[in-house]
N, C-alpha and C. Protein backbone atom coordinates (compact mmCIF):
# COMPACT_ATOMS: atom_id res chain seq x y z
N MET A 1 -16.53 -7.26 -1.91
CA MET A 1 -15.29 -7.16 -2.67
C MET A 1 -14.11 -7.40 -1.74
N LYS A 2 -13.22 -8.29 -2.14
CA LYS A 2 -12.06 -8.65 -1.35
C LYS A 2 -11.03 -7.52 -1.37
N ALA A 3 -10.48 -7.24 -0.19
CA ALA A 3 -9.45 -6.20 -0.10
C ALA A 3 -8.18 -6.69 -0.83
N LYS A 4 -7.49 -5.76 -1.43
CA LYS A 4 -6.26 -6.09 -2.14
C LYS A 4 -5.12 -6.29 -1.14
N SER A 5 -4.20 -7.16 -1.48
CA SER A 5 -3.01 -7.37 -0.66
C SER A 5 -2.04 -6.21 -0.90
N PHE A 6 -1.03 -6.13 -0.07
CA PHE A 6 0.00 -5.11 -0.22
C PHE A 6 0.61 -5.18 -1.63
N GLU A 7 0.94 -6.38 -2.05
CA GLU A 7 1.55 -6.56 -3.37
C GLU A 7 0.60 -6.14 -4.49
N GLU A 8 -0.68 -6.43 -4.32
CA GLU A 8 -1.66 -6.03 -5.34
C GLU A 8 -1.81 -4.51 -5.39
N GLU A 9 -1.75 -3.87 -4.22
CA GLU A 9 -1.82 -2.40 -4.19
C GLU A 9 -0.61 -1.80 -4.91
N LEU A 10 0.57 -2.37 -4.67
CA LEU A 10 1.77 -1.87 -5.36
C LEU A 10 1.66 -2.06 -6.87
N GLU A 11 1.19 -3.22 -7.28
CA GLU A 11 1.03 -3.49 -8.71
C GLU A 11 0.02 -2.52 -9.33
N HIS A 12 -1.05 -2.27 -8.60
CA HIS A 12 -2.07 -1.32 -9.08
C HIS A 12 -1.45 0.07 -9.24
N GLY A 13 -0.62 0.46 -8.28
CA GLY A 13 0.06 1.76 -8.36
C GLY A 13 0.96 1.84 -9.59
N LYS A 14 1.66 0.74 -9.89
CA LYS A 14 2.53 0.71 -11.08
C LYS A 14 1.70 0.86 -12.35
N GLU A 15 0.56 0.19 -12.39
CA GLU A 15 -0.32 0.29 -13.56
C GLU A 15 -0.81 1.72 -13.76
N ILE A 16 -1.17 2.36 -12.66
CA ILE A 16 -1.63 3.75 -12.74
C ILE A 16 -0.51 4.66 -13.24
N LEU A 17 0.70 4.45 -12.73
CA LEU A 17 1.84 5.24 -13.16
C LEU A 17 2.07 5.10 -14.67
N GLN A 18 1.95 3.89 -15.18
CA GLN A 18 2.11 3.67 -16.62
C GLN A 18 1.05 4.46 -17.41
N LYS A 19 -0.18 4.43 -16.91
CA LYS A 19 -1.26 5.16 -17.58
C LYS A 19 -1.01 6.67 -17.54
N LEU A 20 -0.49 7.16 -16.41
CA LEU A 20 -0.23 8.60 -16.27
C LEU A 20 0.89 9.06 -17.20
N MET A 21 1.76 8.16 -17.60
CA MET A 21 2.87 8.52 -18.48
C MET A 21 2.45 8.60 -19.95
N ASP A 22 1.23 8.19 -20.25
CA ASP A 22 0.71 8.24 -21.61
C ASP A 22 0.52 9.71 -22.02
N PRO A 23 1.19 10.17 -23.06
CA PRO A 23 1.07 11.58 -23.46
C PRO A 23 -0.32 11.92 -24.01
N GLU A 24 -1.12 10.93 -24.32
CA GLU A 24 -2.45 11.17 -24.89
C GLU A 24 -3.53 11.29 -23.81
N ILE A 25 -3.18 11.09 -22.55
CA ILE A 25 -4.17 11.11 -21.47
C ILE A 25 -4.68 12.54 -21.25
N THR A 26 -5.97 12.64 -20.97
CA THR A 26 -6.54 13.97 -20.75
C THR A 26 -6.27 14.42 -19.30
N LEU A 27 -6.43 15.70 -19.08
CA LEU A 27 -6.25 16.24 -17.73
C LEU A 27 -7.23 15.60 -16.76
N GLU A 28 -8.47 15.46 -17.18
CA GLU A 28 -9.50 14.86 -16.32
C GLU A 28 -9.13 13.42 -15.95
N GLU A 29 -8.67 12.65 -16.93
CA GLU A 29 -8.25 11.28 -16.66
C GLU A 29 -7.04 11.26 -15.72
N SER A 30 -6.12 12.18 -15.93
CA SER A 30 -4.92 12.27 -15.09
C SER A 30 -5.29 12.51 -13.63
N VAL A 31 -6.19 13.43 -13.40
CA VAL A 31 -6.61 13.74 -12.03
C VAL A 31 -7.29 12.53 -11.39
N LYS A 32 -8.16 11.87 -12.14
CA LYS A 32 -8.86 10.69 -11.62
C LYS A 32 -7.85 9.59 -11.27
N LEU A 33 -6.91 9.34 -12.17
CA LEU A 33 -5.90 8.31 -11.92
C LEU A 33 -4.99 8.69 -10.75
N TYR A 34 -4.65 9.97 -10.66
CA TYR A 34 -3.81 10.43 -9.56
C TYR A 34 -4.50 10.15 -8.22
N GLU A 35 -5.78 10.47 -8.15
CA GLU A 35 -6.54 10.24 -6.92
C GLU A 35 -6.58 8.74 -6.59
N GLU A 36 -6.82 7.93 -7.58
CA GLU A 36 -6.86 6.48 -7.40
C GLU A 36 -5.49 5.96 -6.93
N GLY A 37 -4.44 6.49 -7.51
CA GLY A 37 -3.09 6.09 -7.12
C GLY A 37 -2.77 6.48 -5.68
N MET A 38 -3.18 7.67 -5.29
CA MET A 38 -2.94 8.12 -3.91
C MET A 38 -3.70 7.24 -2.92
N GLN A 39 -4.89 6.81 -3.29
CA GLN A 39 -5.64 5.91 -2.42
C GLN A 39 -4.92 4.57 -2.26
N SER A 40 -4.36 4.05 -3.35
CA SER A 40 -3.60 2.80 -3.28
C SER A 40 -2.37 2.96 -2.40
N ILE A 41 -1.69 4.08 -2.54
CA ILE A 41 -0.50 4.33 -1.72
C ILE A 41 -0.89 4.41 -0.25
N ARG A 42 -1.97 5.10 0.04
CA ARG A 42 -2.43 5.23 1.43
C ARG A 42 -2.74 3.86 2.02
N LYS A 43 -3.42 3.01 1.24
CA LYS A 43 -3.75 1.66 1.71
C LYS A 43 -2.48 0.84 1.96
N ALA A 44 -1.53 0.94 1.04
CA ALA A 44 -0.27 0.19 1.19
C ALA A 44 0.50 0.69 2.41
N GLN A 45 0.53 1.99 2.64
CA GLN A 45 1.22 2.54 3.81
C GLN A 45 0.57 2.05 5.10
N LYS A 46 -0.75 1.98 5.10
CA LYS A 46 -1.46 1.49 6.28
C LYS A 46 -1.09 0.03 6.55
N MET A 47 -1.01 -0.76 5.50
CA MET A 47 -0.63 -2.16 5.65
C MET A 47 0.78 -2.30 6.22
N ILE A 48 1.69 -1.46 5.76
CA ILE A 48 3.06 -1.49 6.27
C ILE A 48 3.07 -1.13 7.75
N GLU A 49 2.33 -0.10 8.12
CA GLU A 49 2.28 0.32 9.52
C GLU A 49 1.69 -0.78 10.39
N GLU A 50 0.63 -1.42 9.93
CA GLU A 50 0.02 -2.51 10.69
C GLU A 50 1.00 -3.67 10.86
N ALA A 51 1.73 -4.00 9.81
CA ALA A 51 2.72 -5.08 9.89
C ALA A 51 3.83 -4.71 10.87
N LYS A 52 4.27 -3.47 10.83
CA LYS A 52 5.32 -3.00 11.74
C LYS A 52 4.85 -3.12 13.19
N LEU A 53 3.63 -2.70 13.48
CA LEU A 53 3.09 -2.79 14.83
C LEU A 53 2.99 -4.25 15.29
N LYS A 54 2.59 -5.13 14.38
CA LYS A 54 2.49 -6.55 14.72
C LYS A 54 3.86 -7.12 15.06
N VAL A 55 4.87 -6.78 14.27
CA VAL A 55 6.23 -7.27 14.53
C VAL A 55 6.72 -6.73 15.87
N GLU A 56 6.46 -5.47 16.15
CA GLU A 56 6.88 -4.89 17.43
C GLU A 56 6.19 -5.59 18.60
N ARG A 57 4.92 -5.92 18.43
CA ARG A 57 4.17 -6.62 19.47
C ARG A 57 4.75 -8.02 19.69
N ILE A 58 5.07 -8.71 18.61
CA ILE A 58 5.67 -10.05 18.71
C ILE A 58 7.01 -9.97 19.42
N GLU A 59 7.84 -9.01 19.04
CA GLU A 59 9.15 -8.84 19.67
C GLU A 59 9.01 -8.55 21.16
N ALA A 60 8.04 -7.71 21.53
CA ALA A 60 7.83 -7.38 22.94
C ALA A 60 7.41 -8.63 23.72
N GLU A 61 6.54 -9.44 23.14
CA GLU A 61 6.12 -10.68 23.79
C GLU A 61 7.30 -11.64 23.94
N PHE A 62 8.14 -11.70 22.93
CA PHE A 62 9.30 -12.59 22.96
C PHE A 62 10.26 -12.18 24.07
N ARG A 63 10.46 -10.88 24.23
CA ARG A 63 11.37 -10.39 25.28
C ARG A 63 10.83 -10.67 26.67
N GLN A 64 9.51 -10.76 26.81
CA GLN A 64 8.90 -10.97 28.12
C GLN A 64 8.86 -12.45 28.52
N GLU A 65 9.02 -13.35 27.56
CA GLU A 65 8.98 -14.78 27.88
C GLU A 65 10.23 -15.18 28.64
N PRO A 66 10.09 -15.98 29.70
CA PRO A 66 11.28 -16.45 30.42
C PRO A 66 12.08 -17.41 29.55
N GLU A 67 13.39 -17.34 29.71
CA GLU A 67 14.26 -18.24 28.94
C GLU A 67 14.16 -19.64 29.50
N ARG A 68 14.28 -20.62 28.65
CA ARG A 68 14.18 -22.02 29.07
C ARG A 68 15.53 -22.65 29.16
């Protein structure tokens, strides 16, 4: 199974939020969706952190290159 992109994780989180706002949803369904949503948020946060580290690494390399 292909990992979801950051944008797909955000979209999935929005879909879960819409489902949680349904007044007809049961408590059991709410808890299941909440857990699924938290997992999506965790994955998206990890992606952001990885991107931030990559940008910092690129910037550090750029600063170390001699000017031409």
